[in-house]
Amino acid sequence: MNTVSIKDDNNDDYVIKDLKSFYQHILDYHASGTSLHEENGHYFTVNDEFRSMINNLYKDIN
């Protein structure tokens, strides 16, 4: 499992413990437009910029 840290909407650090699973969830449920993703009390605005950031993180570890 690959862990990475990102900032949530409140600029708090959030450790993604399983980037592959997180990445897949974003693809499955937040593939286009702008939406809000909540995970363990952290909120993320998912838009093209966020998807690109997660995609780049995923590519970097694979």
PDB file of N, CA and C in Angstrom:
ATOM      1  N   MET A   1       0.841  -1.183   0.000  1.00  0.00           N
ATOM      2  CA  MET A   1       0.000   0.000   0.000  1.00  0.00           C
ATOM      3  C   MET A   1       0.885   1.246   0.000  1.00  0.00           C
ATOM      4  N   ASN A   2       0.460   2.241  -0.737  1.00  0.00           N
ATOM      5  CA  ASN A   2       1.224   3.480  -0.827  1.00  0.00           C
ATOM      6  C   ASN A   2       0.466   4.608  -0.137  1.00  0.00           C
ATOM      7  N   THR A   3       1.127   5.282   0.798  1.00  0.00           N
ATOM      8  CA  THR A   3       0.490   6.384   1.495  1.00  0.00           C
ATOM      9  C   THR A   3       1.065   7.710   1.002  1.00  0.00           C
ATOM     10  N   VAL A   4       0.187   8.694   0.913  1.00  0.00           N
ATOM     11  CA  VAL A   4       0.575  10.051   0.563  1.00  0.00           C
ATOM     12  C   VAL A   4      -0.242  11.004   1.420  1.00  0.00           C
ATOM     13  N   SER A   5       0.234  12.219   1.549  1.00  0.00           N
ATOM     14  CA  SER A   5      -0.461  13.235   2.323  1.00  0.00           C
ATOM     15  C   SER A   5      -0.891  14.362   1.391  1.00  0.00           C
ATOM     16  N   ILE A   6      -2.151  14.783   1.544  1.00  0.00           N
ATOM     17  CA  ILE A   6      -2.673  15.907   0.776  1.00  0.00           C
ATOM     18  C   ILE A   6      -3.368  16.855   1.748  1.00  0.00           C
ATOM     19  N   LYS A   7      -3.699  18.038   1.276  1.00  0.00           N
ATOM     20  CA  LYS A   7      -4.428  19.025   2.074  1.00  0.00           C
ATOM     21  C   LYS A   7      -5.915  18.928   1.763  1.00  0.00           C
ATOM     22  N   ASP A   8      -6.756  19.003   2.800  1.00  0.00           N
ATOM     23  CA  ASP A   8      -8.191  19.034   2.580  1.00  0.00           C
ATOM     24  C   ASP A   8      -8.650  20.473   2.355  1.00  0.00           C
ATOM     25  N   ASP A   9      -9.950  20.675   2.250  1.00  0.00           N
ATOM     26  CA  ASP A   9     -10.482  22.015   1.971  1.00  0.00           C
ATOM     27  C   ASP A   9     -10.194  23.016   3.087  1.00  0.00           C
ATOM     28  N   ASN A  10      -9.892  22.526   4.291  1.00  0.00           N
ATOM     29  CA  ASN A  10      -9.556  23.405   5.411  1.00  0.00           C
ATOM     30  C   ASN A  10      -8.052  23.577   5.560  1.00  0.00           C
ATOM     31  N   ASN A  11      -7.308  23.098   4.572  1.00  0.00           N
ATOM     32  CA  ASN A  11      -5.848  23.164   4.562  1.00  0.00           C
ATOM     33  C   ASN A  11      -5.207  22.301   5.650  1.00  0.00           C
ATOM     34  N   ASP A  12      -5.960  21.291   6.112  1.00  0.00           N
ATOM     35  CA  ASP A  12      -5.429  20.331   7.074  1.00  0.00           C
ATOM     36  C   ASP A  12      -4.833  19.151   6.308  1.00  0.00           C
ATOM     37  N   ASP A  13      -3.782  18.570   6.847  1.00  0.00           N
ATOM     38  CA  ASP A  13      -3.170  17.403   6.225  1.00  0.00           C
ATOM     39  C   ASP A  13      -4.081  16.189   6.367  1.00  0.00           C
ATOM     40  N   TYR A  14      -4.146  15.411   5.311  1.00  0.00           N
ATOM     41  CA  TYR A  14      -4.867  14.147   5.341  1.00  0.00           C
ATOM     42  C   TYR A  14      -3.985  13.090   4.692  1.00  0.00           C
ATOM     43  N   VAL A  15      -3.771  11.999   5.404  1.00  0.00           N
ATOM     44  CA  VAL A  15      -2.954  10.908   4.874  1.00  0.00           C
ATOM     45  C   VAL A  15      -3.874   9.919   4.171  1.00  0.00           C
ATOM     46  N   ILE A  16      -3.624   9.730   2.895  1.00  0.00           N
ATOM     47  CA  ILE A  16      -4.342   8.717   2.123  1.00  0.00           C
ATOM     48  C   ILE A  16      -3.561   7.423   2.311  1.00  0.00           C
ATOM     49  N   LYS A  17      -4.153   6.468   3.011  1.00  0.00           N
ATOM     50  CA  LYS A  17      -3.456   5.228   3.328  1.00  0.00           C
ATOM     51  C   LYS A  17      -3.404   4.271   2.147  1.00  0.00           C
ATOM     52  N   ASP A  18      -4.386   4.337   1.280  1.00  0.00           N
ATOM     53  CA  ASP A  18      -4.425   3.457   0.114  1.00  0.00           C
ATOM     54  C   ASP A  18      -4.749   4.313  -1.109  1.00  0.00           C
ATOM     55  N   LEU A  19      -3.716   4.842  -1.736  1.00  0.00           N
ATOM     56  CA  LEU A  19      -3.907   5.764  -2.861  1.00  0.00           C
ATOM     57  C   LEU A  19      -4.632   5.099  -4.020  1.00  0.00           C
ATOM     58  N   LYS A  20      -4.361   3.836  -4.276  1.00  0.00           N
ATOM     59  CA  LYS A  20      -5.032   3.141  -5.386  1.00  0.00           C
ATOM     60  C   LYS A  20      -6.540   3.134  -5.178  1.00  0.00           C
ATOM     61  N   SER A  21      -6.987   2.810  -3.981  1.00  0.00           N
ATOM     62  CA  SER A  21      -8.413   2.786  -3.673  1.00  0.00           C
ATOM     63  C   SER A  21      -9.021   4.186  -3.746  1.00  0.00           C
ATOM     64  N   PHE A  22      -8.325   5.175  -3.207  1.00  0.00           N
ATOM     65  CA  PHE A  22      -8.786   6.565  -3.247  1.00  0.00           C
ATOM     66  C   PHE A  22      -8.921   7.027  -4.699  1.00  0.00           C
ATOM     67  N   TYR A  23      -7.888   6.765  -5.490  1.00  0.00           N
ATOM     68  CA  TYR A  23      -7.875   7.132  -6.906  1.00  0.00           C
ATOM     69  C   TYR A  23      -9.053   6.486  -7.641  1.00  0.00           C
ATOM     70  N   GLN A  24      -9.277   5.202  -7.386  1.00  0.00           N
ATOM     71  CA  GLN A  24     -10.366   4.498  -8.050  1.00  0.00           C
ATOM     72  C   GLN A  24     -11.715   5.079  -7.658  1.00  0.00           C
ATOM     73  N   HIS A  25     -11.884   5.449  -6.384  1.00  0.00           N
ATOM     74  CA  HIS A  25     -13.132   6.055  -5.940  1.00  0.00           C
ATOM     75  C   HIS A  25     -13.384   7.375  -6.673  1.00  0.00           C
ATOM     76  N   ILE A  26     -12.350   8.182  -6.804  1.00  0.00           N
ATOM     77  CA  ILE A  26     -12.489   9.463  -7.507  1.00  0.00           C
ATOM     78  C   ILE A  26     -12.910   9.214  -8.952  1.00  0.00           C
ATOM     79  N   LEU A  27     -12.300   8.220  -9.601  1.00  0.00           N
ATOM     80  CA  LEU A  27     -12.679   7.894 -10.980  1.00  0.00           C
ATOM     81  C   LEU A  27     -14.124   7.409 -11.070  1.00  0.00           C
ATOM     82  N   ASP A  28     -14.528   6.582 -10.122  1.00  0.00           N
ATOM     83  CA  ASP A  28     -15.861   5.974 -10.166  1.00  0.00           C
ATOM     84  C   ASP A  28     -16.981   6.951  -9.808  1.00  0.00           C
ATOM     85  N   TYR A  29     -16.751   7.825  -8.846  1.00  0.00           N
ATOM     86  CA  TYR A  29     -17.839   8.647  -8.301  1.00  0.00           C
ATOM     87  C   TYR A  29     -17.694  10.156  -8.517  1.00  0.00           C
ATOM     88  N   HIS A  30     -16.530  10.594  -8.946  1.00  0.00           N
ATOM     89  CA  HIS A  30     -16.289  12.030  -9.110  1.00  0.00           C
ATOM     90  C   HIS A  30     -15.555  12.303 -10.428  1.00  0.00           C
ATOM     91  N   ALA A  31     -15.952  11.614 -11.488  1.00  0.00           N
ATOM     92  CA  ALA A  31     -15.196  11.633 -12.746  1.00  0.00           C
ATOM     93  C   ALA A  31     -15.274  12.956 -13.497  1.00  0.00           C
ATOM     94  N   SER A  32     -16.325  13.744 -13.274  1.00  0.00           N
ATOM     95  CA  SER A  32     -16.447  14.997 -14.026  1.00  0.00           C
ATOM     96  C   SER A  32     -17.159  16.041 -13.181  1.00  0.00           C
ATOM     97  N   GLY A  33     -17.049  17.273 -13.628  1.00  0.00           N
ATOM     98  CA  GLY A  33     -17.700  18.365 -12.920  1.00  0.00           C
ATOM     99  C   GLY A  33     -17.021  18.651 -11.595  1.00  0.00           C
ATOM    100  N   THR A  34     -17.773  19.281 -10.707  1.00  0.00           N
ATOM    101  CA  THR A  34     -17.279  19.617  -9.375  1.00  0.00           C
ATOM    102  C   THR A  34     -18.194  18.972  -8.351  1.00  0.00           C
ATOM    103  N   SER A  35     -17.603  18.286  -7.396  1.00  0.00           N
ATOM    104  CA  SER A  35     -18.374  17.644  -6.344  1.00  0.00           C
ATOM    105  C   SER A  35     -17.574  17.679  -5.056  1.00  0.00           C
ATOM    106  N   LEU A  36     -18.201  17.255  -3.976  1.00  0.00           N
ATOM    107  CA  LEU A  36     -17.563  17.244  -2.672  1.00  0.00           C
ATOM    108  C   LEU A  36     -17.358  15.797  -2.246  1.00  0.00           C
ATOM    109  N   HIS A  37     -16.132  15.483  -1.860  1.00  0.00           N
ATOM    110  CA  HIS A  37     -15.811  14.152  -1.349  1.00  0.00           C
ATOM    111  C   HIS A  37     -15.491  14.282   0.129  1.00  0.00           C
ATOM    112  N   GLU A  38     -16.129  13.445   0.954  1.00  0.00           N
ATOM    113  CA  GLU A  38     -15.871  13.427   2.387  1.00  0.00           C
ATOM    114  C   GLU A  38     -15.200  12.114   2.732  1.00  0.00           C
ATOM    115  N   GLU A  39     -14.152  12.180   3.523  1.00  0.00           N
ATOM    116  CA  GLU A  39     -13.462  10.971   3.962  1.00  0.00           C
ATOM    117  C   GLU A  39     -12.903  11.206   5.358  1.00  0.00           C
ATOM    118  N   ASN A  40     -13.383  10.405   6.295  1.00  0.00           N
ATOM    119  CA  ASN A  40     -12.906  10.466   7.678  1.00  0.00           C
ATOM    120  C   ASN A  40     -12.927  11.884   8.248  1.00  0.00           C
ATOM    121  N   GLY A  41     -13.993  12.609   7.974  1.00  0.00           N
ATOM    122  CA  GLY A  41     -14.140  13.960   8.506  1.00  0.00           C
ATOM    123  C   GLY A  41     -13.382  15.034   7.743  1.00  0.00           C
ATOM    124  N   HIS A  42     -12.761  14.673   6.643  1.00  0.00           N
ATOM    125  CA  HIS A  42     -12.055  15.630   5.793  1.00  0.00           C
ATOM    126  C   HIS A  42     -12.859  15.809   4.511  1.00  0.00           C
ATOM    127  N   TYR A  43     -12.920  17.041   4.032  1.00  0.00           N
ATOM    128  CA  TYR A  43     -13.693  17.363   2.839  1.00  0.00           C
ATOM    129  C   TYR A  43     -12.763  17.849   1.739  1.00  0.00           C
ATOM    130  N   PHE A  44     -13.047  17.381   0.532  1.00  0.00           N
ATOM    131  CA  PHE A  44     -12.248  17.733  -0.637  1.00  0.00           C
ATOM    132  C   PHE A  44     -13.177  18.155  -1.762  1.00  0.00           C
ATOM    133  N   THR A  45     -12.915  19.326  -2.331  1.00  0.00           N
ATOM    134  CA  THR A  45     -13.640  19.742  -3.523  1.00  0.00           C
ATOM    135  C   THR A  45     -12.967  19.061  -4.703  1.00  0.00           C
ATOM    136  N   VAL A  46     -13.723  18.198  -5.362  1.00  0.00           N
ATOM    137  CA  VAL A  46     -13.178  17.428  -6.478  1.00  0.00           C
ATOM    138  C   VAL A  46     -13.553  18.134  -7.774  1.00  0.00           C
ATOM    139  N   ASN A  47     -12.537  18.614  -8.464  1.00  0.00           N
ATOM    140  CA  ASN A  47     -12.706  19.270  -9.754  1.00  0.00           C
ATOM    141  C   ASN A  47     -11.550  18.817 -10.644  1.00  0.00           C
ATOM    142  N   ASP A  48     -11.412  19.411 -11.809  1.00  0.00           N
ATOM    143  CA  ASP A  48     -10.347  18.985 -12.728  1.00  0.00           C
ATOM    144  C   ASP A  48      -8.963  19.106 -12.089  1.00  0.00           C
ATOM    145  N   GLU A  49      -8.729  20.166 -11.335  1.00  0.00           N
ATOM    146  CA  GLU A  49      -7.424  20.364 -10.687  1.00  0.00           C
ATOM    147  C   GLU A  49      -7.144  19.258  -9.668  1.00  0.00           C
ATOM    148  N   PHE A  50      -8.147  18.940  -8.852  1.00  0.00           N
ATOM    149  CA  PHE A  50      -7.975  17.891  -7.837  1.00  0.00           C
ATOM    150  C   PHE A  50      -7.761  16.533  -8.507  1.00  0.00           C
ATOM    151  N   ARG A  51      -8.577  16.221  -9.529  1.00  0.00           N
ATOM    152  CA  ARG A  51      -8.413  14.948 -10.242  1.00  0.00           C
ATOM    153  C   ARG A  51      -7.026  14.840 -10.854  1.00  0.00           C
ATOM    154  N   SER A  52      -6.530  15.931 -11.414  1.00  0.00           N
ATOM    155  CA  SER A  52      -5.196  15.930 -12.002  1.00  0.00           C
ATOM    156  C   SER A  52      -4.129  15.690 -10.940  1.00  0.00           C
ATOM    157  N   MET A  53      -4.270  16.313  -9.771  1.00  0.00           N
ATOM    158  CA  MET A  53      -3.311  16.128  -8.692  1.00  0.00           C
ATOM    159  C   MET A  53      -3.283  14.661  -8.245  1.00  0.00           C
ATOM    160  N   ILE A  54      -4.461  14.069  -8.045  1.00  0.00           N
ATOM    161  CA  ILE A  54      -4.534  12.672  -7.611  1.00  0.00           C
ATOM    162  C   ILE A  54      -3.983  11.757  -8.699  1.00  0.00           C
ATOM    163  N   ASN A  55      -4.312  12.045  -9.942  1.00  0.00           N
ATOM    164  CA  ASN A  55      -3.786  11.256 -11.065  1.00  0.00           C
ATOM    165  C   ASN A  55      -2.256  11.302 -11.088  1.00  0.00           C
ATOM    166  N   ASN A  56      -1.687  12.467 -10.902  1.00  0.00           N
ATOM    167  CA  ASN A  56      -0.222  12.608 -10.912  1.00  0.00           C
ATOM    168  C   ASN A  56       0.416  11.861  -9.733  1.00  0.00           C
ATOM    169  N   LEU A  57      -0.199  11.956  -8.551  1.00  0.00           N
ATOM    170  CA  LEU A  57       0.306  11.210  -7.401  1.00  0.00           C
ATOM    171  C   LEU A  57       0.270   9.711  -7.671  1.00  0.00           C
ATOM    172  N   TYR A  58      -0.832   9.261  -8.261  1.00  0.00           N
ATOM    173  CA  TYR A  58      -0.986   7.842  -8.574  1.00  0.00           C
ATOM    174  C   TYR A  58       0.065   7.391  -9.585  1.00  0.00           C
ATOM    175  N   LYS A  59       0.288   8.183 -10.624  1.00  0.00           N
ATOM    176  CA  LYS A  59       1.299   7.847 -11.634  1.00  0.00           C
ATOM    177  C   LYS A  59       2.693   7.796 -11.013  1.00  0.00           C
ATOM    178  N   ASP A  60       2.984   8.705 -10.081  1.00  0.00           N
ATOM    179  CA  ASP A  60       4.300   8.770  -9.462  1.00  0.00           C
ATOM    180  C   ASP A  60       4.638   7.505  -8.667  1.00  0.00           C
ATOM    181  N   ILE A  61       3.630   6.848  -8.094  1.00  0.00           N
ATOM    182  CA  ILE A  61       3.917   5.663  -7.287  1.00  0.00           C
ATOM    183  C   ILE A  61       3.805   4.366  -8.084  1.00  0.00           C
ATOM    184  N   ASN A  62       3.321   4.461  -9.303  1.00  0.00           N
ATOM    185  CA  ASN A  62       3.174   3.245 -10.125  1.00  0.00           C
ATOM    186  C   ASN A  62       4.121   3.239 -11.291  1.00  0.00           C
TER     187      ASN A  62
END
